[in-house]
Amino acid sequence: MRPFRWSRGERHFAGWYWAAATGQHVGFESWLDRDRLLLPDFDPQVTGIASQPFRLYWHDGERERRHAPDYPPRGWLGGSHRRPRG
C-alpha cells in the first residue's frame, strides 16, 4: 500500500475516512474517493476496505506502466471483502 501525502495549498482534498465496517481509518485523495468509501461502509456484508492495497505493473510495448487501484472491486485480494453468506 502506498502512503498518502498531502500539504497545505494542494488542489485535491486528501484525508482519512473512519470506516465503521472495519473500525479503522482508510486513506483517500479526493472528495470522489471519500464518497466512494460510503457505499461499502454501509453494506452489512463488508468486512474490510483497503485503499490502494497493491500496484499493477505492465509493459505496453513502448514503456513500463504502473497503476494503484484506489478501491478494488469486492472479491479482489485486498479490496472490499464481504462476509460469506450462510
PDB file of N, CA and C in Angstrom:
ATOM      1  N   MET A   1       0.847  -1.167   0.000  1.00  0.00           N
ATOM      2  CA  MET A   1       0.000   0.000   0.000  1.00  0.00           C
ATOM      3  C   MET A   1       0.900   1.239   0.000  1.00  0.00           C
ATOM      4  N   ARG A   2       0.559   2.197  -0.827  1.00  0.00           N
ATOM      5  CA  ARG A   2       1.390   3.386  -0.900  1.00  0.00           C
ATOM      6  C   ARG A   2       0.916   4.411   0.127  1.00  0.00           C
ATOM      7  N   PRO A   3       1.838   5.200   0.685  1.00  0.00           N
ATOM      8  CA  PRO A   3       1.442   6.183   1.704  1.00  0.00           C
ATOM      9  C   PRO A   3       0.697   7.362   1.091  1.00  0.00           C
ATOM     10  N   PHE A   4      -0.157   7.982   1.874  1.00  0.00           N
ATOM     11  CA  PHE A   4      -0.886   9.167   1.448  1.00  0.00           C
ATOM     12  C   PHE A   4      -0.149  10.389   1.976  1.00  0.00           C
ATOM     13  N   ARG A   5       0.167  11.293   1.064  1.00  0.00           N
ATOM     14  CA  ARG A   5       0.847  12.522   1.460  1.00  0.00           C
ATOM     15  C   ARG A   5       0.055  13.705   0.939  1.00  0.00           C
ATOM     16  N   TRP A   6      -0.002  14.732   1.743  1.00  0.00           N
ATOM     17  CA  TRP A   6      -0.655  15.961   1.302  1.00  0.00           C
ATOM     18  C   TRP A   6      -0.074  17.122   2.093  1.00  0.00           C
ATOM     19  N   SER A   7      -0.248  18.311   1.543  1.00  0.00           N
ATOM     20  CA  SER A   7       0.220  19.508   2.229  1.00  0.00           C
ATOM     21  C   SER A   7      -0.716  20.670   1.922  1.00  0.00           C
ATOM     22  N   ARG A   8      -0.615  21.702   2.699  1.00  0.00           N
ATOM     23  CA  ARG A   8      -1.455  22.881   2.557  1.00  0.00           C
ATOM     24  C   ARG A   8      -1.285  23.497   1.168  1.00  0.00           C
ATOM     25  N   GLY A   9      -2.384  23.939   0.590  1.00  0.00           N
ATOM     26  CA  GLY A   9      -2.329  24.614  -0.700  1.00  0.00           C
ATOM     27  C   GLY A   9      -2.489  23.700  -1.909  1.00  0.00           C
ATOM     28  N   GLU A  10      -2.536  22.409  -1.709  1.00  0.00           N
ATOM     29  CA  GLU A  10      -2.734  21.498  -2.837  1.00  0.00           C
ATOM     30  C   GLU A  10      -4.170  21.579  -3.326  1.00  0.00           C
ATOM     31  N   ARG A  11      -4.387  21.216  -4.576  1.00  0.00           N
ATOM     32  CA  ARG A  11      -5.708  21.354  -5.177  1.00  0.00           C
ATOM     33  C   ARG A  11      -6.635  20.174  -4.927  1.00  0.00           C
ATOM     34  N   HIS A  12      -6.135  19.111  -4.359  1.00  0.00           N
ATOM     35  CA  HIS A  12      -7.009  17.980  -4.058  1.00  0.00           C
ATOM     36  C   HIS A  12      -7.272  17.920  -2.553  1.00  0.00           C
ATOM     37  N   PHE A  13      -8.281  17.174  -2.186  1.00  0.00           N
ATOM     38  CA  PHE A  13      -8.684  17.066  -0.787  1.00  0.00           C
ATOM     39  C   PHE A  13      -8.385  15.654  -0.317  1.00  0.00           C
ATOM     40  N   ALA A  14      -7.316  15.487   0.417  1.00  0.00           N
ATOM     41  CA  ALA A  14      -6.931  14.165   0.912  1.00  0.00           C
ATOM     42  C   ALA A  14      -7.174  14.079   2.412  1.00  0.00           C
ATOM     43  N   GLY A  15      -7.307  12.855   2.898  1.00  0.00           N
ATOM     44  CA  GLY A  15      -7.502  12.677   4.329  1.00  0.00           C
ATOM     45  C   GLY A  15      -7.759  11.226   4.688  1.00  0.00           C
ATOM     46  N   TRP A  16      -8.323  11.037   5.870  1.00  0.00           N
ATOM     47  CA  TRP A  16      -8.624   9.711   6.391  1.00  0.00           C
ATOM     48  C   TRP A  16     -10.109   9.620   6.675  1.00  0.00           C
ATOM     49  N   TYR A  17     -10.733   8.537   6.231  1.00  0.00           N
ATOM     50  CA  TYR A  17     -12.146   8.270   6.472  1.00  0.00           C
ATOM     51  C   TYR A  17     -12.242   7.164   7.516  1.00  0.00           C
ATOM     52  N   TRP A  18     -13.034   7.387   8.572  1.00  0.00           N
ATOM     53  CA  TRP A  18     -13.234   6.352   9.589  1.00  0.00           C
ATOM     54  C   TRP A  18     -14.314   5.399   9.092  1.00  0.00           C
ATOM     55  N   ALA A  19     -13.940   4.167   8.772  1.00  0.00           N
ATOM     56  CA  ALA A  19     -14.874   3.172   8.256  1.00  0.00           C
ATOM     57  C   ALA A  19     -15.481   2.394   9.424  1.00  0.00           C
ATOM     58  N   ALA A  20     -16.773   2.538   9.595  1.00  0.00           N
ATOM     59  CA  ALA A  20     -17.464   1.829  10.671  1.00  0.00           C
ATOM     60  C   ALA A  20     -17.432   0.322  10.454  1.00  0.00           C
ATOM     61  N   ALA A  21     -17.425  -0.106   9.183  1.00  0.00           N
ATOM     62  CA  ALA A  21     -17.427  -1.540   8.869  1.00  0.00           C
ATOM     63  C   ALA A  21     -16.176  -2.242   9.381  1.00  0.00           C
ATOM     64  N   THR A  22     -15.061  -1.508   9.433  1.00  0.00           N
ATOM     65  CA  THR A  22     -13.799  -2.127   9.821  1.00  0.00           C
ATOM     66  C   THR A  22     -13.251  -1.610  11.143  1.00  0.00           C
ATOM     67  N   GLY A  23     -13.750  -0.438  11.582  1.00  0.00           N
ATOM     68  CA  GLY A  23     -13.212   0.172  12.794  1.00  0.00           C
ATOM     69  C   GLY A  23     -11.824   0.742  12.584  1.00  0.00           C
ATOM     70  N   GLN A  24     -11.492   1.089  11.338  1.00  0.00           N
ATOM     71  CA  GLN A  24     -10.170   1.624  11.013  1.00  0.00           C
ATOM     72  C   GLN A  24     -10.294   2.788  10.035  1.00  0.00           C
ATOM     73  N   HIS A  25      -9.248   3.594   9.988  1.00  0.00           N
ATOM     74  CA  HIS A  25      -9.198   4.667   9.002  1.00  0.00           C
ATOM     75  C   HIS A  25      -8.788   4.107   7.642  1.00  0.00           C
ATOM     76  N   VAL A  26      -9.337   4.712   6.573  1.00  0.00           N
ATOM     77  CA  VAL A  26      -8.989   4.364   5.202  1.00  0.00           C
ATOM     78  C   VAL A  26      -8.612   5.666   4.501  1.00  0.00           C
ATOM     79  N   GLY A  27      -7.459   5.686   3.847  1.00  0.00           N
ATOM     80  CA  GLY A  27      -6.993   6.899   3.193  1.00  0.00           C
ATOM     81  C   GLY A  27      -7.749   7.205   1.915  1.00  0.00           C
ATOM     82  N   PHE A  28      -7.893   8.511   1.623  1.00  0.00           N
ATOM     83  CA  PHE A  28      -8.485   8.938   0.353  1.00  0.00           C
ATOM     84  C   PHE A  28      -7.734  10.160  -0.133  1.00  0.00           C
ATOM     85  N   GLU A  29      -7.770  10.395  -1.446  1.00  0.00           N
ATOM     86  CA  GLU A  29      -7.035  11.502  -2.040  1.00  0.00           C
ATOM     87  C   GLU A  29      -7.925  12.565  -2.667  1.00  0.00           C
ATOM     88  N   SER A  30      -9.229  12.368  -2.655  1.00  0.00           N
ATOM     89  CA  SER A  30     -10.139  13.351  -3.246  1.00  0.00           C
ATOM     90  C   SER A  30     -11.526  13.182  -2.630  1.00  0.00           C
ATOM     91  N   TRP A  31     -12.400  14.160  -2.880  1.00  0.00           N
ATOM     92  CA  TRP A  31     -13.790  14.053  -2.433  1.00  0.00           C
ATOM     93  C   TRP A  31     -14.449  12.831  -3.064  1.00  0.00           C
ATOM     94  N   LEU A  32     -14.139  12.583  -4.335  1.00  0.00           N
ATOM     95  CA  LEU A  32     -14.723  11.429  -5.024  1.00  0.00           C
ATOM     96  C   LEU A  32     -14.299  10.128  -4.350  1.00  0.00           C
ATOM     97  N   ASP A  33     -13.021  10.005  -4.030  1.00  0.00           N
ATOM     98  CA  ASP A  33     -12.552   8.808  -3.313  1.00  0.00           C
ATOM     99  C   ASP A  33     -13.308   8.643  -1.994  1.00  0.00           C
ATOM    100  N   ARG A  34     -13.430   9.731  -1.243  1.00  0.00           N
ATOM    101  CA  ARG A  34     -14.133   9.658   0.039  1.00  0.00           C
ATOM    102  C   ARG A  34     -15.576   9.222  -0.147  1.00  0.00           C
ATOM    103  N   ASP A  35     -16.236   9.785  -1.148  1.00  0.00           N
ATOM    104  CA  ASP A  35     -17.626   9.404  -1.403  1.00  0.00           C
ATOM    105  C   ASP A  35     -17.750   7.945  -1.812  1.00  0.00           C
ATOM    106  N   ARG A  36     -16.755   7.422  -2.535  1.00  0.00           N
ATOM    107  CA  ARG A  36     -16.778   6.015  -2.950  1.00  0.00           C
ATOM    108  C   ARG A  36     -16.608   5.065  -1.769  1.00  0.00           C
ATOM    109  N   LEU A  37     -16.110   5.562  -0.655  1.00  0.00           N
ATOM    110  CA  LEU A  37     -15.971   4.736   0.550  1.00  0.00           C
ATOM    111  C   LEU A  37     -17.298   4.558   1.285  1.00  0.00           C
ATOM    112  N   LEU A  38     -18.248   5.435   1.048  1.00  0.00           N
ATOM    113  CA  LEU A  38     -19.516   5.364   1.781  1.00  0.00           C
ATOM    114  C   LEU A  38     -20.309   4.104   1.464  1.00  0.00           C
ATOM    115  N   LEU A  39     -20.388   3.726   0.197  1.00  0.00           N
ATOM    116  CA  LEU A  39     -21.203   2.572  -0.189  1.00  0.00           C
ATOM    117  C   LEU A  39     -20.743   1.278   0.488  1.00  0.00           C
ATOM    118  N   PRO A  40     -19.468   0.900   0.379  1.00  0.00           N
ATOM    119  CA  PRO A  40     -19.078  -0.339   1.069  1.00  0.00           C
ATOM    120  C   PRO A  40     -19.166  -0.233   2.587  1.00  0.00           C
ATOM    121  N   ASP A  41     -19.014   0.983   3.127  1.00  0.00           N
ATOM    122  CA  ASP A  41     -19.075   1.125   4.579  1.00  0.00           C
ATOM    123  C   ASP A  41     -20.487   0.882   5.115  1.00  0.00           C
ATOM    124  N   PHE A  42     -21.498   1.139   4.323  1.00  0.00           N
ATOM    125  CA  PHE A  42     -22.878   0.914   4.760  1.00  0.00           C
ATOM    126  C   PHE A  42     -23.414  -0.452   4.344  1.00  0.00           C
ATOM    127  N   ASP A  43     -22.609  -1.248   3.681  1.00  0.00           N
ATOM    128  CA  ASP A  43     -23.007  -2.599   3.282  1.00  0.00           C
ATOM    129  C   ASP A  43     -22.720  -3.539   4.452  1.00  0.00           C
ATOM    130  N   PRO A  44     -23.728  -4.168   5.043  1.00  0.00           N
ATOM    131  CA  PRO A  44     -23.502  -5.010   6.220  1.00  0.00           C
ATOM    132  C   PRO A  44     -22.666  -6.255   5.933  1.00  0.00           C
ATOM    133  N   GLN A  45     -22.497  -6.608   4.671  1.00  0.00           N
ATOM    134  CA  GLN A  45     -21.700  -7.781   4.319  1.00  0.00           C
ATOM    135  C   GLN A  45     -20.205  -7.482   4.219  1.00  0.00           C
ATOM    136  N   VAL A  46     -19.825  -6.225   4.205  1.00  0.00           N
ATOM    137  CA  VAL A  46     -18.415  -5.848   4.046  1.00  0.00           C
ATOM    138  C   VAL A  46     -17.677  -6.022   5.368  1.00  0.00           C
ATOM    139  N   THR A  47     -16.535  -6.689   5.298  1.00  0.00           N
ATOM    140  CA  THR A  47     -15.706  -6.902   6.486  1.00  0.00           C
ATOM    141  C   THR A  47     -14.368  -6.185   6.392  1.00  0.00           C
ATOM    142  N   GLY A  48     -14.024  -5.672   5.206  1.00  0.00           N
ATOM    143  CA  GLY A  48     -12.751  -4.979   5.052  1.00  0.00           C
ATOM    144  C   GLY A  48     -12.752  -4.058   3.850  1.00  0.00           C
ATOM    145  N   ILE A  49     -12.052  -2.945   3.986  1.00  0.00           N
ATOM    146  CA  ILE A  49     -11.891  -1.989   2.900  1.00  0.00           C
ATOM    147  C   ILE A  49     -10.418  -1.608   2.866  1.00  0.00           C
ATOM    148  N   ALA A  50      -9.789  -1.712   1.711  1.00  0.00           N
ATOM    149  CA  ALA A  50      -8.377  -1.365   1.576  1.00  0.00           C
ATOM    150  C   ALA A  50      -8.208  -0.313   0.489  1.00  0.00           C
ATOM    151  N   SER A  51      -7.430   0.691   0.786  1.00  0.00           N
ATOM    152  CA  SER A  51      -7.152   1.759  -0.161  1.00  0.00           C
ATOM    153  C   SER A  51      -5.804   1.513  -0.814  1.00  0.00           C
ATOM    154  N   GLN A  52      -5.810   1.380  -2.118  1.00  0.00           N
ATOM    155  CA  GLN A  52      -4.610   1.131  -2.917  1.00  0.00           C
ATOM    156  C   GLN A  52      -3.751   0.019  -2.307  1.00  0.00           C
ATOM    157  N   PRO A  53      -4.328  -1.176  -2.183  1.00  0.00           N
ATOM    158  CA  PRO A  53      -3.625  -2.270  -1.498  1.00  0.00           C
ATOM    159  C   PRO A  53      -2.499  -2.907  -2.312  1.00  0.00           C
ATOM    160  N   PHE A  54      -2.436  -2.615  -3.594  1.00  0.00           N
ATOM    161  CA  PHE A  54      -1.375  -3.171  -4.425  1.00  0.00           C
ATOM    162  C   PHE A  54      -1.169  -2.287  -5.638  1.00  0.00           C
ATOM    163  N   ARG A  55      -0.074  -2.531  -6.344  1.00  0.00           N
ATOM    164  CA  ARG A  55       0.235  -1.782  -7.549  1.00  0.00           C
ATOM    165  C   ARG A  55       0.383  -2.763  -8.709  1.00  0.00           C
ATOM    166  N   LEU A  56      -0.212  -2.426  -9.827  1.00  0.00           N
ATOM    167  CA  LEU A  56      -0.117  -3.233 -11.044  1.00  0.00           C
ATOM    168  C   LEU A  56       1.013  -2.690 -11.920  1.00  0.00           C
ATOM    169  N   TYR A  57       1.798  -3.582 -12.512  1.00  0.00           N
ATOM    170  CA  TYR A  57       2.866  -3.211 -13.435  1.00  0.00           C
ATOM    171  C   TYR A  57       2.663  -3.949 -14.742  1.00  0.00           C
ATOM    172  N   TRP A  58       2.880  -3.269 -15.869  1.00  0.00           N
ATOM    173  CA  TRP A  58       2.813  -3.925 -17.168  1.00  0.00           C
ATOM    174  C   TRP A  58       3.614  -3.113 -18.176  1.00  0.00           C
ATOM    175  N   HIS A  59       3.922  -3.740 -19.280  1.00  0.00           N
ATOM    176  CA  HIS A  59       4.648  -3.084 -20.358  1.00  0.00           C
ATOM    177  C   HIS A  59       3.706  -2.985 -21.549  1.00  0.00           C
ATOM    178  N   ASP A  60       3.549  -1.793 -22.093  1.00  0.00           N
ATOM    179  CA  ASP A  60       2.585  -1.594 -23.183  1.00  0.00           C
ATOM    180  C   ASP A  60       3.212  -1.704 -24.569  1.00  0.00           C
ATOM    181  N   GLY A  61       4.431  -2.210 -24.648  1.00  0.00           N
ATOM    182  CA  GLY A  61       5.124  -2.332 -25.924  1.00  0.00           C
ATOM    183  C   GLY A  61       6.132  -1.220 -26.139  1.00  0.00           C
ATOM    184  N   GLU A  62       5.928  -0.101 -25.451  1.00  0.00           N
ATOM    185  CA  GLU A  62       6.866   1.022 -25.559  1.00  0.00           C
ATOM    186  C   GLU A  62       7.553   1.330 -24.235  1.00  0.00           C
ATOM    187  N   ARG A  63       6.785   1.261 -23.151  1.00  0.00           N
ATOM    188  CA  ARG A  63       7.359   1.564 -21.844  1.00  0.00           C
ATOM    189  C   ARG A  63       6.612   0.838 -20.735  1.00  0.00           C
ATOM    190  N   GLU A  64       7.237   0.801 -19.577  1.00  0.00           N
ATOM    191  CA  GLU A  64       6.601   0.160 -18.435  1.00  0.00           C
ATOM    192  C   GLU A  64       5.574   1.121 -17.826  1.00  0.00           C
ATOM    193  N   ARG A  65       4.427   0.591 -17.493  1.00  0.00           N
ATOM    194  CA  ARG A  65       3.345   1.365 -16.878  1.00  0.00           C
ATOM    195  C   ARG A  65       3.077   0.818 -15.490  1.00  0.00           C
ATOM    196  N   ARG A  66       2.429   1.632 -14.648  1.00  0.00           N
ATOM    197  CA  ARG A  66       2.028   1.167 -13.319  1.00  0.00           C
ATOM    198  C   ARG A  66       0.764   1.911 -12.901  1.00  0.00           C
ATOM    199  N   HIS A  67      -0.006   1.252 -12.041  1.00  0.00           N
ATOM    200  CA  HIS A  67      -1.253   1.837 -11.544  1.00  0.00           C
ATOM    201  C   HIS A  67      -1.602   1.192 -10.210  1.00  0.00           C
ATOM    202  N   ALA A  68      -2.035   2.012  -9.267  1.00  0.00           N
ATOM    203  CA  ALA A  68      -2.507   1.512  -7.970  1.00  0.00           C
ATOM    204  C   ALA A  68      -4.012   1.750  -7.910  1.00  0.00           C
ATOM    205  N   PRO A  69      -4.837   0.695  -8.069  1.00  0.00           N
ATOM    206  CA  PRO A  69      -6.296   0.888  -7.998  1.00  0.00           C
ATOM    207  C   PRO A  69      -6.692   1.459  -6.638  1.00  0.00           C
ATOM    208  N   ASP A  70      -7.564   2.469  -6.639  1.00  0.00           N
ATOM    209  CA  ASP A  70      -7.966   3.107  -5.384  1.00  0.00           C
ATOM    210  C   ASP A  70      -8.654   2.124  -4.442  1.00  0.00           C
ATOM    211  N   TYR A  71      -9.762   1.573  -4.888  1.00  0.00           N
ATOM    212  CA  TYR A  71     -10.527   0.630  -4.074  1.00  0.00           C
ATOM    213  C   TYR A  71     -10.966  -0.501  -4.992  1.00  0.00           C
ATOM    214  N   PRO A  72     -10.188  -1.578  -5.052  1.00  0.00           N
ATOM    215  CA  PRO A  72     -10.524  -2.675  -5.970  1.00  0.00           C
ATOM    216  C   PRO A  72     -11.921  -3.233  -5.707  1.00  0.00           C
ATOM    217  N   PRO A  73     -12.556  -3.764  -6.742  1.00  0.00           N
ATOM    218  CA  PRO A  73     -13.897  -4.349  -6.577  1.00  0.00           C
ATOM    219  C   PRO A  73     -13.899  -5.465  -5.541  1.00  0.00           C
ATOM    220  N   ARG A  74     -15.053  -5.694  -4.954  1.00  0.00           N
ATOM    221  CA  ARG A  74     -15.197  -6.769  -3.980  1.00  0.00           C
ATOM    222  C   ARG A  74     -14.770  -8.089  -4.593  1.00  0.00           C
ATOM    223  N   GLY A  75     -14.136  -8.899  -3.778  1.00  0.00           N
ATOM    224  CA  GLY A  75     -13.698 -10.203  -4.245  1.00  0.00           C
ATOM    225  C   GLY A  75     -12.233 -10.215  -4.653  1.00  0.00           C
ATOM    226  N   TRP A  76     -11.633  -9.046  -4.898  1.00  0.00           N
ATOM    227  CA  TRP A  76     -10.209  -8.984  -5.202  1.00  0.00           C
ATOM    228  C   TRP A  76      -9.438  -9.093  -3.908  1.00  0.00           C
ATOM    229  N   LEU A  77      -8.281  -9.676  -3.957  1.00  0.00           N
ATOM    230  CA  LEU A  77      -7.423  -9.751  -2.783  1.00  0.00           C
ATOM    231  C   LEU A  77      -7.068  -8.337  -2.345  1.00  0.00           C
ATOM    232  N   GLY A  78      -7.376  -7.992  -1.118  1.00  0.00           N
ATOM    233  CA  GLY A  78      -7.041  -6.685  -0.592  1.00  0.00           C
ATOM    234  C   GLY A  78      -8.106  -5.632  -0.826  1.00  0.00           C
ATOM    235  N   GLY A  79      -9.160  -5.952  -1.561  1.00  0.00           N
ATOM    236  CA  GLY A  79     -10.217  -4.982  -1.818  1.00  0.00           C
ATOM    237  C   GLY A  79     -11.259  -5.007  -0.722  1.00  0.00           C
ATOM    238  N   SER A  80     -12.464  -4.638  -1.056  1.00  0.00           N
ATOM    239  CA  SER A  80     -13.562  -4.683  -0.087  1.00  0.00           C
ATOM    240  C   SER A  80     -14.050  -6.113   0.031  1.00  0.00           C
ATOM    241  N   HIS A  81     -13.926  -6.701   1.191  1.00  0.00           N
ATOM    242  CA  HIS A  81     -14.290  -8.102   1.390  1.00  0.00           C
ATOM    243  C   HIS A  81     -15.680  -8.216   1.989  1.00  0.00           C
ATOM    244  N   ARG A  82     -16.422  -9.224   1.556  1.00  0.00           N
ATOM    245  CA  ARG A  82     -17.757  -9.470   2.073  1.00  0.00           C
ATOM    246  C   ARG A  82     -17.755 -10.701   2.966  1.00  0.00           C
ATOM    247  N   ARG A  83     -18.638 -10.689   3.955  1.00  0.00           N
ATOM    248  CA  ARG A  83     -18.811 -11.869   4.810  1.00  0.00           C
ATOM    249  C   ARG A  83     -19.440 -12.978   3.980  1.00  0.00           C
ATOM    250  N   PRO A  84     -19.052 -14.208   4.208  1.00  0.00           N
ATOM    251  CA  PRO A  84     -19.687 -15.315   3.490  1.00  0.00           C
ATOM    252  C   PRO A  84     -21.159 -15.438   3.883  1.00  0.00           C
ATOM    253  N   ARG A  85     -21.977 -15.779   2.920  1.00  0.00           N
ATOM    254  CA  ARG A  85     -23.398 -15.982   3.210  1.00  0.00           C
ATOM    255  C   ARG A  85     -23.606 -17.317   3.886  1.00  0.00           C
ATOM    256  N   GLY A  86     -24.618 -17.364   4.701  1.00  0.00           N
ATOM    257  CA  GLY A  86     -24.924 -18.661   5.215  1.00  0.00           C
ATOM    258  C   GLY A  86     -25.203 -18.718   6.637  1.00  0.00           C
TER     259      GLY A  86
END
